Amino acid sequence: MPSKPYNVTEIKRELKAHAKALDIPPGSANIFIDKSVTAATKRLSTKKLITESDLTHALVKELQKYHTDLAYVYENRDKII
């Protein structure tokens, strides 16, 4: 399996920062962020080419299962001022 074209550690760090801003308890956030990133990575593993949009969409879909506000913030992170 080829290496991931994105930095999982950096994505988790960014998601944890958003979770902190939303006052999500760190223990809960860590659990569902790990699950979401793992599931999104698995979903994208069959693609030969992964765009940033593909990654965002996969992560948002997984995050919505656990925390819709965090999913929204992550999806719109470049639009929020």
PDB file of N, CA and C in Angstrom:
ATOM      1  N   MET A   1       0.847  -1.169   0.000  1.00  0.00           N
ATOM      2  CA  MET A   1       0.000   0.000   0.000  1.00  0.00           C
ATOM      3  C   MET A   1       0.897   1.238   0.000  1.00  0.00           C
ATOM      4  N   PRO A   2       0.633   2.198  -0.878  1.00  0.00           N
ATOM      5  CA  PRO A   2       1.460   3.404  -0.928  1.00  0.00           C
ATOM      6  C   PRO A   2       1.268   4.254   0.321  1.00  0.00           C
ATOM      7  N   SER A   3       2.253   5.096   0.605  1.00  0.00           N
ATOM      8  CA  SER A   3       2.132   5.965   1.771  1.00  0.00           C
ATOM      9  C   SER A   3       1.024   6.992   1.550  1.00  0.00           C
ATOM     10  N   LYS A   4       0.507   7.511   2.643  1.00  0.00           N
ATOM     11  CA  LYS A   4      -0.572   8.495   2.560  1.00  0.00           C
ATOM     12  C   LYS A   4      -0.028   9.810   2.020  1.00  0.00           C
ATOM     13  N   PRO A   5      -0.756  10.438   1.107  1.00  0.00           N
ATOM     14  CA  PRO A   5      -0.294  11.701   0.532  1.00  0.00           C
ATOM     15  C   PRO A   5      -0.622  12.901   1.426  1.00  0.00           C
ATOM     16  N   TYR A   6      -1.007  12.629   2.664  1.00  0.00           N
ATOM     17  CA  TYR A   6      -1.334  13.692   3.603  1.00  0.00           C
ATOM     18  C   TYR A   6      -0.807  13.294   4.980  1.00  0.00           C
ATOM     19  N   ASN A   7      -0.663  14.265   5.833  1.00  0.00           N
ATOM     20  CA  ASN A   7      -0.086  14.044   7.142  1.00  0.00           C
ATOM     21  C   ASN A   7      -1.205  13.809   8.167  1.00  0.00           C
ATOM     22  N   VAL A   8      -1.380  12.574   8.586  1.00  0.00           N
ATOM     23  CA  VAL A   8      -2.438  12.204   9.530  1.00  0.00           C
ATOM     24  C   VAL A   8      -2.263  12.947  10.848  1.00  0.00           C
ATOM     25  N   THR A   9      -1.034  13.068  11.302  1.00  0.00           N
ATOM     26  CA  THR A   9      -0.767  13.761  12.567  1.00  0.00           C
ATOM     27  C   THR A   9      -1.211  15.217  12.492  1.00  0.00           C
ATOM     28  N   GLU A  10      -0.927  15.858  11.380  1.00  0.00           N
ATOM     29  CA  GLU A  10      -1.313  17.256  11.199  1.00  0.00           C
ATOM     30  C   GLU A  10      -2.835  17.396  11.136  1.00  0.00           C
ATOM     31  N   ILE A  11      -3.500  16.485  10.469  1.00  0.00           N
ATOM     32  CA  ILE A  11      -4.965  16.522  10.383  1.00  0.00           C
ATOM     33  C   ILE A  11      -5.570  16.356  11.773  1.00  0.00           C
ATOM     34  N   LYS A  12      -5.056  15.401  12.541  1.00  0.00           N
ATOM     35  CA  LYS A  12      -5.571  15.198  13.894  1.00  0.00           C
ATOM     36  C   LYS A  12      -5.324  16.423  14.766  1.00  0.00           C
ATOM     37  N   ARG A  13      -4.162  17.037  14.627  1.00  0.00           N
ATOM     38  CA  ARG A  13      -3.853  18.245  15.399  1.00  0.00           C
ATOM     39  C   ARG A  13      -4.840  19.361  15.072  1.00  0.00           C
ATOM     40  N   GLU A  14      -5.119  19.528  13.783  1.00  0.00           N
ATOM     41  CA  GLU A  14      -6.060  20.560  13.354  1.00  0.00           C
ATOM     42  C   GLU A  14      -7.461  20.274  13.880  1.00  0.00           C
ATOM     43  N   LEU A  15      -7.895  19.021  13.785  1.00  0.00           N
ATOM     44  CA  LEU A  15      -9.222  18.654  14.279  1.00  0.00           C
ATOM     45  C   LEU A  15      -9.323  18.857  15.788  1.00  0.00           C
ATOM     46  N   LYS A  16      -8.264  18.528  16.518  1.00  0.00           N
ATOM     47  CA  LYS A  16      -8.278  18.709  17.973  1.00  0.00           C
ATOM     48  C   LYS A  16      -8.346  20.195  18.341  1.00  0.00           C
ATOM     49  N   ALA A  17      -7.697  21.037  17.562  1.00  0.00           N
ATOM     50  CA  ALA A  17      -7.767  22.482  17.802  1.00  0.00           C
ATOM     51  C   ALA A  17      -9.188  22.992  17.579  1.00  0.00           C
ATOM     52  N   HIS A  18      -9.839  22.511  16.517  1.00  0.00           N
ATOM     53  CA  HIS A  18     -11.233  22.894  16.270  1.00  0.00           C
ATOM     54  C   HIS A  18     -12.134  22.381  17.388  1.00  0.00           C
ATOM     55  N   ALA A  19     -11.891  21.149  17.835  1.00  0.00           N
ATOM     56  CA  ALA A  19     -12.696  20.564  18.914  1.00  0.00           C
ATOM     57  C   ALA A  19     -12.544  21.381  20.190  1.00  0.00           C
ATOM     58  N   LYS A  20     -11.330  21.815  20.475  1.00  0.00           N
ATOM     59  CA  LYS A  20     -11.082  22.627  21.672  1.00  0.00           C
ATOM     60  C   LYS A  20     -11.849  23.943  21.570  1.00  0.00           C
ATOM     61  N   ALA A  21     -11.842  24.555  20.387  1.00  0.00           N
ATOM     62  CA  ALA A  21     -12.558  25.811  20.181  1.00  0.00           C
ATOM     63  C   ALA A  21     -14.067  25.639  20.377  1.00  0.00           C
ATOM     64  N   LEU A  22     -14.558  24.437  20.121  1.00  0.00           N
ATOM     65  CA  LEU A  22     -15.986  24.138  20.288  1.00  0.00           C
ATOM     66  C   LEU A  22     -16.304  23.620  21.693  1.00  0.00           C
ATOM     67  N   ASP A  23     -15.308  23.602  22.571  1.00  0.00           N
ATOM     68  CA  ASP A  23     -15.468  23.112  23.950  1.00  0.00           C
ATOM     69  C   ASP A  23     -15.904  21.650  24.020  1.00  0.00           C
ATOM     70  N   ILE A  24     -15.408  20.847  23.100  1.00  0.00           N
ATOM     71  CA  ILE A  24     -15.664  19.404  23.132  1.00  0.00           C
ATOM     72  C   ILE A  24     -14.653  18.801  24.101  1.00  0.00           C
ATOM     73  N   PRO A  25     -15.100  17.974  25.053  1.00  0.00           N
ATOM     74  CA  PRO A  25     -14.153  17.369  25.994  1.00  0.00           C
ATOM     75  C   PRO A  25     -13.034  16.627  25.248  1.00  0.00           C
ATOM     76  N   PRO A  26     -11.773  16.878  25.642  1.00  0.00           N
ATOM     77  CA  PRO A  26     -10.627  16.302  24.924  1.00  0.00           C
ATOM     78  C   PRO A  26     -10.664  14.775  24.805  1.00  0.00           C
ATOM     79  N   GLY A  27     -11.082  14.091  25.856  1.00  0.00           N
ATOM     80  CA  GLY A  27     -11.132  12.628  25.795  1.00  0.00           C
ATOM     81  C   GLY A  27     -12.067  12.138  24.706  1.00  0.00           C
ATOM     82  N   SER A  28     -13.263  12.705  24.663  1.00  0.00           N
ATOM     83  CA  SER A  28     -14.246  12.331  23.639  1.00  0.00           C
ATOM     84  C   SER A  28     -13.744  12.707  22.249  1.00  0.00           C
ATOM     85  N   ALA A  29     -13.209  13.927  22.150  1.00  0.00           N
ATOM     86  CA  ALA A  29     -12.720  14.399  20.852  1.00  0.00           C
ATOM     87  C   ALA A  29     -11.631  13.481  20.316  1.00  0.00           C
ATOM     88  N   ASN A  30     -10.682  13.106  21.162  1.00  0.00           N
ATOM     89  CA  ASN A  30      -9.595  12.225  20.722  1.00  0.00           C
ATOM     90  C   ASN A  30     -10.127  10.914  20.179  1.00  0.00           C
ATOM     91  N   ILE A  31     -11.111  10.352  20.852  1.00  0.00           N
ATOM     92  CA  ILE A  31     -11.665   9.065  20.426  1.00  0.00           C
ATOM     93  C   ILE A  31     -12.329   9.185  19.063  1.00  0.00           C
ATOM     94  N   PHE A  32     -13.257  10.127  18.905  1.00  0.00           N
ATOM     95  CA  PHE A  32     -13.953  10.161  17.615  1.00  0.00           C
ATOM     96  C   PHE A  32     -13.127  10.771  16.497  1.00  0.00           C
ATOM     97  N   ILE A  33     -12.136  11.581  16.811  1.00  0.00           N
ATOM     98  CA  ILE A  33     -11.222  12.064  15.772  1.00  0.00           C
ATOM     99  C   ILE A  33     -10.386  10.901  15.253  1.00  0.00           C
ATOM    100  N   ASP A  34      -9.851  10.092  16.165  1.00  0.00           N
ATOM    101  CA  ASP A  34      -9.079   8.913  15.737  1.00  0.00           C
ATOM    102  C   ASP A  34      -9.920   7.981  14.877  1.00  0.00           C
ATOM    103  N   LYS A  35     -11.147   7.713  15.312  1.00  0.00           N
ATOM    104  CA  LYS A  35     -12.034   6.826  14.545  1.00  0.00           C
ATOM    105  C   LYS A  35     -12.356   7.419  13.182  1.00  0.00           C
ATOM    106  N   SER A  36     -12.614   8.714  13.141  1.00  0.00           N
ATOM    107  CA  SER A  36     -12.968   9.367  11.881  1.00  0.00           C
ATOM    108  C   SER A  36     -11.809   9.376  10.899  1.00  0.00           C
ATOM    109  N   VAL A  37     -10.618   9.700  11.379  1.00  0.00           N
ATOM    110  CA  VAL A  37      -9.446   9.734  10.496  1.00  0.00           C
ATOM    111  C   VAL A  37      -9.121   8.329   9.985  1.00  0.00           C
ATOM    112  N   THR A  38      -9.225   7.337  10.860  1.00  0.00           N
ATOM    113  CA  THR A  38      -8.969   5.952  10.445  1.00  0.00           C
ATOM    114  C   THR A  38      -9.960   5.511   9.375  1.00  0.00           C
ATOM    115  N   ALA A  39     -11.238   5.797   9.591  1.00  0.00           N
ATOM    116  CA  ALA A  39     -12.268   5.400   8.623  1.00  0.00           C
ATOM    117  C   ALA A  39     -12.109   6.144   7.295  1.00  0.00           C
ATOM    118  N   ALA A  40     -11.795   7.440   7.363  1.00  0.00           N
ATOM    119  CA  ALA A  40     -11.611   8.221   6.133  1.00  0.00           C
ATOM    120  C   ALA A  40     -10.401   7.713   5.358  1.00  0.00           C
ATOM    121  N   THR A  41      -9.323   7.395   6.064  1.00  0.00           N
ATOM    122  CA  THR A  41      -8.119   6.864   5.422  1.00  0.00           C
ATOM    123  C   THR A  41      -8.431   5.533   4.743  1.00  0.00           C
ATOM    124  N   LYS A  42      -9.186   4.695   5.410  1.00  0.00           N
ATOM    125  CA  LYS A  42      -9.570   3.406   4.827  1.00  0.00           C
ATOM    126  C   LYS A  42     -10.413   3.621   3.572  1.00  0.00           C
ATOM    127  N   ARG A  43     -11.352   4.558   3.639  1.00  0.00           N
ATOM    128  CA  ARG A  43     -12.217   4.842   2.502  1.00  0.00           C
ATOM    129  C   ARG A  43     -11.412   5.339   1.298  1.00  0.00           C
ATOM    130  N   LEU A  44     -10.381   6.128   1.561  1.00  0.00           N
ATOM    131  CA  LEU A  44      -9.582   6.712   0.481  1.00  0.00           C
ATOM    132  C   LEU A  44      -8.471   5.788  -0.014  1.00  0.00           C
ATOM    133  N   SER A  45      -8.238   4.682   0.673  1.00  0.00           N
ATOM    134  CA  SER A  45      -7.108   3.810   0.340  1.00  0.00           C
ATOM    135  C   SER A  45      -7.214   3.169  -1.044  1.00  0.00           C
ATOM    136  N   THR A  46      -8.397   3.117  -1.608  1.00  0.00           N
ATOM    137  CA  THR A  46      -8.553   2.508  -2.933  1.00  0.00           C
ATOM    138  C   THR A  46      -8.314   3.498  -4.075  1.00  0.00           C
ATOM    139  N   LYS A  47      -8.235   4.767  -3.749  1.00  0.00           N
ATOM    140  CA  LYS A  47      -8.030   5.784  -4.782  1.00  0.00           C
ATOM    141  C   LYS A  47      -6.551   5.914  -5.121  1.00  0.00           C
ATOM    142  N   LYS A  48      -6.263   6.084  -6.399  1.00  0.00           N
ATOM    143  CA  LYS A  48      -4.886   6.298  -6.836  1.00  0.00           C
ATOM    144  C   LYS A  48      -4.478   7.746  -6.633  1.00  0.00           C
ATOM    145  N   LEU A  49      -5.434   8.650  -6.736  1.00  0.00           N
ATOM    146  CA  LEU A  49      -5.175  10.066  -6.593  1.00  0.00           C
ATOM    147  C   LEU A  49      -6.189  10.625  -5.602  1.00  0.00           C
ATOM    148  N   ILE A  50      -5.690  11.340  -4.585  1.00  0.00           N
ATOM    149  CA  ILE A  50      -6.560  11.902  -3.564  1.00  0.00           C
ATOM    150  C   ILE A  50      -6.399  13.415  -3.584  1.00  0.00           C
ATOM    151  N   THR A  51      -7.508  14.108  -3.797  1.00  0.00           N
ATOM    152  CA  THR A  51      -7.481  15.563  -3.756  1.00  0.00           C
ATOM    153  C   THR A  51      -7.794  16.030  -2.336  1.00  0.00           C
ATOM    154  N   GLU A  52      -7.506  17.281  -2.071  1.00  0.00           N
ATOM    155  CA  GLU A  52      -7.855  17.846  -0.763  1.00  0.00           C
ATOM    156  C   GLU A  52      -9.361  17.786  -0.555  1.00  0.00           C
ATOM    157  N   SER A  53     -10.106  17.973  -1.624  1.00  0.00           N
ATOM    158  CA  SER A  53     -11.565  17.886  -1.552  1.00  0.00           C
ATOM    159  C   SER A  53     -12.018  16.472  -1.178  1.00  0.00           C
ATOM    160  N   ASP A  54     -11.372  15.456  -1.753  1.00  0.00           N
ATOM    161  CA  ASP A  54     -11.689  14.063  -1.409  1.00  0.00           C
ATOM    162  C   ASP A  54     -11.458  13.818   0.080  1.00  0.00           C
ATOM    163  N   LEU A  55     -10.328  14.291   0.573  1.00  0.00           N
ATOM    164  CA  LEU A  55      -9.975  14.098   1.969  1.00  0.00           C
ATOM    165  C   LEU A  55     -10.974  14.813   2.876  1.00  0.00           C
ATOM    166  N   THR A  56     -11.273  16.056   2.564  1.00  0.00           N
ATOM    167  CA  THR A  56     -12.226  16.820   3.367  1.00  0.00           C
ATOM    168  C   THR A  56     -13.585  16.141   3.384  1.00  0.00           C
ATOM    169  N   HIS A  57     -14.063  15.730   2.224  1.00  0.00           N
ATOM    170  CA  HIS A  57     -15.375  15.082   2.131  1.00  0.00           C
ATOM    171  C   HIS A  57     -15.412  13.797   2.962  1.00  0.00           C
ATOM    172  N   ALA A  58     -14.384  12.984   2.865  1.00  0.00           N
ATOM    173  CA  ALA A  58     -14.335  11.728   3.623  1.00  0.00           C
ATOM    174  C   ALA A  58     -14.308  11.989   5.127  1.00  0.00           C
ATOM    175  N   LEU A  59     -13.509  12.958   5.548  1.00  0.00           N
ATOM    176  CA  LEU A  59     -13.430  13.290   6.966  1.00  0.00           C
ATOM    177  C   LEU A  59     -14.745  13.859   7.483  1.00  0.00           C
ATOM    178  N   VAL A  60     -15.350  14.741   6.732  1.00  0.00           N
ATOM    179  CA  VAL A  60     -16.619  15.344   7.155  1.00  0.00           C
ATOM    180  C   VAL A  60     -17.695  14.271   7.288  1.00  0.00           C
ATOM    181  N   LYS A  61     -17.746  13.365   6.342  1.00  0.00           N
ATOM    182  CA  LYS A  61     -18.745  12.293   6.397  1.00  0.00           C
ATOM    183  C   LYS A  61     -18.577  11.463   7.670  1.00  0.00           C
ATOM    184  N   GLU A  62     -17.346  11.166   8.036  1.00  0.00           N
ATOM    185  CA  GLU A  62     -17.092  10.390   9.252  1.00  0.00           C
ATOM    186  C   GLU A  62     -17.357  11.217  10.512  1.00  0.00           C
ATOM    187  N   LEU A  63     -16.923  12.470  10.521  1.00  0.00           N
ATOM    188  CA  LEU A  63     -17.118  13.326  11.691  1.00  0.00           C
ATOM    189  C   LEU A  63     -18.591  13.567  11.985  1.00  0.00           C
ATOM    190  N   GLN A  64     -19.429  13.606  10.959  1.00  0.00           N
ATOM    191  CA  GLN A  64     -20.864  13.828  11.152  1.00  0.00           C
ATOM    192  C   GLN A  64     -21.505  12.734  12.001  1.00  0.00           C
ATOM    193  N   LYS A  65     -20.910  11.567  12.025  1.00  0.00           N
ATOM    194  CA  LYS A  65     -21.437  10.466  12.835  1.00  0.00           C
ATOM    195  C   LYS A  65     -21.287  10.760  14.326  1.00  0.00           C
ATOM    196  N   TYR A  66     -20.313  11.603  14.680  1.00  0.00           N
ATOM    197  CA  TYR A  66     -19.980  11.846  16.081  1.00  0.00           C
ATOM    198  C   TYR A  66     -20.319  13.251  16.565  1.00  0.00           C
ATOM    199  N   HIS A  67     -20.050  14.255  15.719  1.00  0.00           N
ATOM    200  CA  HIS A  67     -20.256  15.635  16.164  1.00  0.00           C
ATOM    201  C   HIS A  67     -20.476  16.519  14.934  1.00  0.00           C
ATOM    202  N   THR A  68     -21.725  16.886  14.691  1.00  0.00           N
ATOM    203  CA  THR A  68     -22.048  17.638  13.477  1.00  0.00           C
ATOM    204  C   THR A  68     -21.414  19.033  13.461  1.00  0.00           C
ATOM    205  N   ASP A  69     -21.290  19.658  14.634  1.00  0.00           N
ATOM    206  CA  ASP A  69     -20.669  20.995  14.659  1.00  0.00           C
ATOM    207  C   ASP A  69     -19.196  20.933  14.254  1.00  0.00           C
ATOM    208  N   LEU A  70     -18.482  19.943  14.746  1.00  0.00           N
ATOM    209  CA  LEU A  70     -17.073  19.794  14.376  1.00  0.00           C
ATOM    210  C   LEU A  70     -16.952  19.492  12.884  1.00  0.00           C
ATOM    211  N   ALA A  71     -17.839  18.660  12.368  1.00  0.00           N
ATOM    212  CA  ALA A  71     -17.826  18.356  10.934  1.00  0.00           C
ATOM    213  C   ALA A  71     -18.037  19.637  10.120  1.00  0.00           C
ATOM    214  N   TYR A  72     -18.973  20.457  10.556  1.00  0.00           N
ATOM    215  CA  TYR A  72     -19.263  21.712   9.857  1.00  0.00           C
ATOM    216  C   TYR A  72     -18.058  22.652   9.888  1.00  0.00           C
ATOM    217  N   VAL A  73     -17.462  22.810  11.068  1.00  0.00           N
ATOM    218  CA  VAL A  73     -16.307  23.703  11.202  1.00  0.00           C
ATOM    219  C   VAL A  73     -15.153  23.217  10.333  1.00  0.00           C
ATOM    220  N   TYR A  74     -14.890  21.915  10.339  1.00  0.00           N
ATOM    221  CA  TYR A  74     -13.795  21.392   9.522  1.00  0.00           C
ATOM    222  C   TYR A  74     -14.087  21.588   8.028  1.00  0.00           C
ATOM    223  N   GLU A  75     -15.300  21.319   7.636  1.00  0.00           N
ATOM    224  CA  GLU A  75     -15.670  21.468   6.222  1.00  0.00           C
ATOM    225  C   GLU A  75     -15.532  22.921   5.747  1.00  0.00           C
ATOM    226  N   ASN A  76     -15.808  23.853   6.635  1.00  0.00           N
ATOM    227  CA  ASN A  76     -15.805  25.272   6.263  1.00  0.00           C
ATOM    228  C   ASN A  76     -14.624  26.038   6.861  1.00  0.00           C
ATOM    229  N   ARG A  77     -13.583  25.333   7.248  1.00  0.00           N
ATOM    230  CA  ARG A  77     -12.458  25.940   7.953  1.00  0.00           C
ATOM    231  C   ARG A  77     -11.783  27.061   7.173  1.00  0.00           C
ATOM    232  N   ASP A  78     -11.818  27.019   5.859  1.00  0.00           N
ATOM    233  CA  ASP A  78     -11.179  28.078   5.072  1.00  0.00           C
ATOM    234  C   ASP A  78     -12.129  29.240   4.802  1.00  0.00           C
ATOM    235  N   LYS A  79     -13.383  29.100   5.233  1.00  0.00           N
ATOM    236  CA  LYS A  79     -14.376  30.157   4.996  1.00  0.00           C
ATOM    237  C   LYS A  79     -14.768  30.896   6.267  1.00  0.00           C
ATOM    238  N   ILE A  80     -14.443  30.335   7.426  1.00  0.00           N
ATOM    239  CA  ILE A  80     -14.840  30.920   8.701  1.00  0.00           C
ATOM    240  C   ILE A  80     -13.855  32.033   9.063  1.00  0.00           C
ATOM    241  N   ILE A  81     -14.415  33.174   9.465  1.00  0.00           N
ATOM    242  CA  ILE A  81     -13.548  34.300   9.858  1.00  0.00           C
ATOM    243  C   ILE A  81     -13.687  34.583  11.338  1.00  0.00           C
TER     244      ILE A  81
END
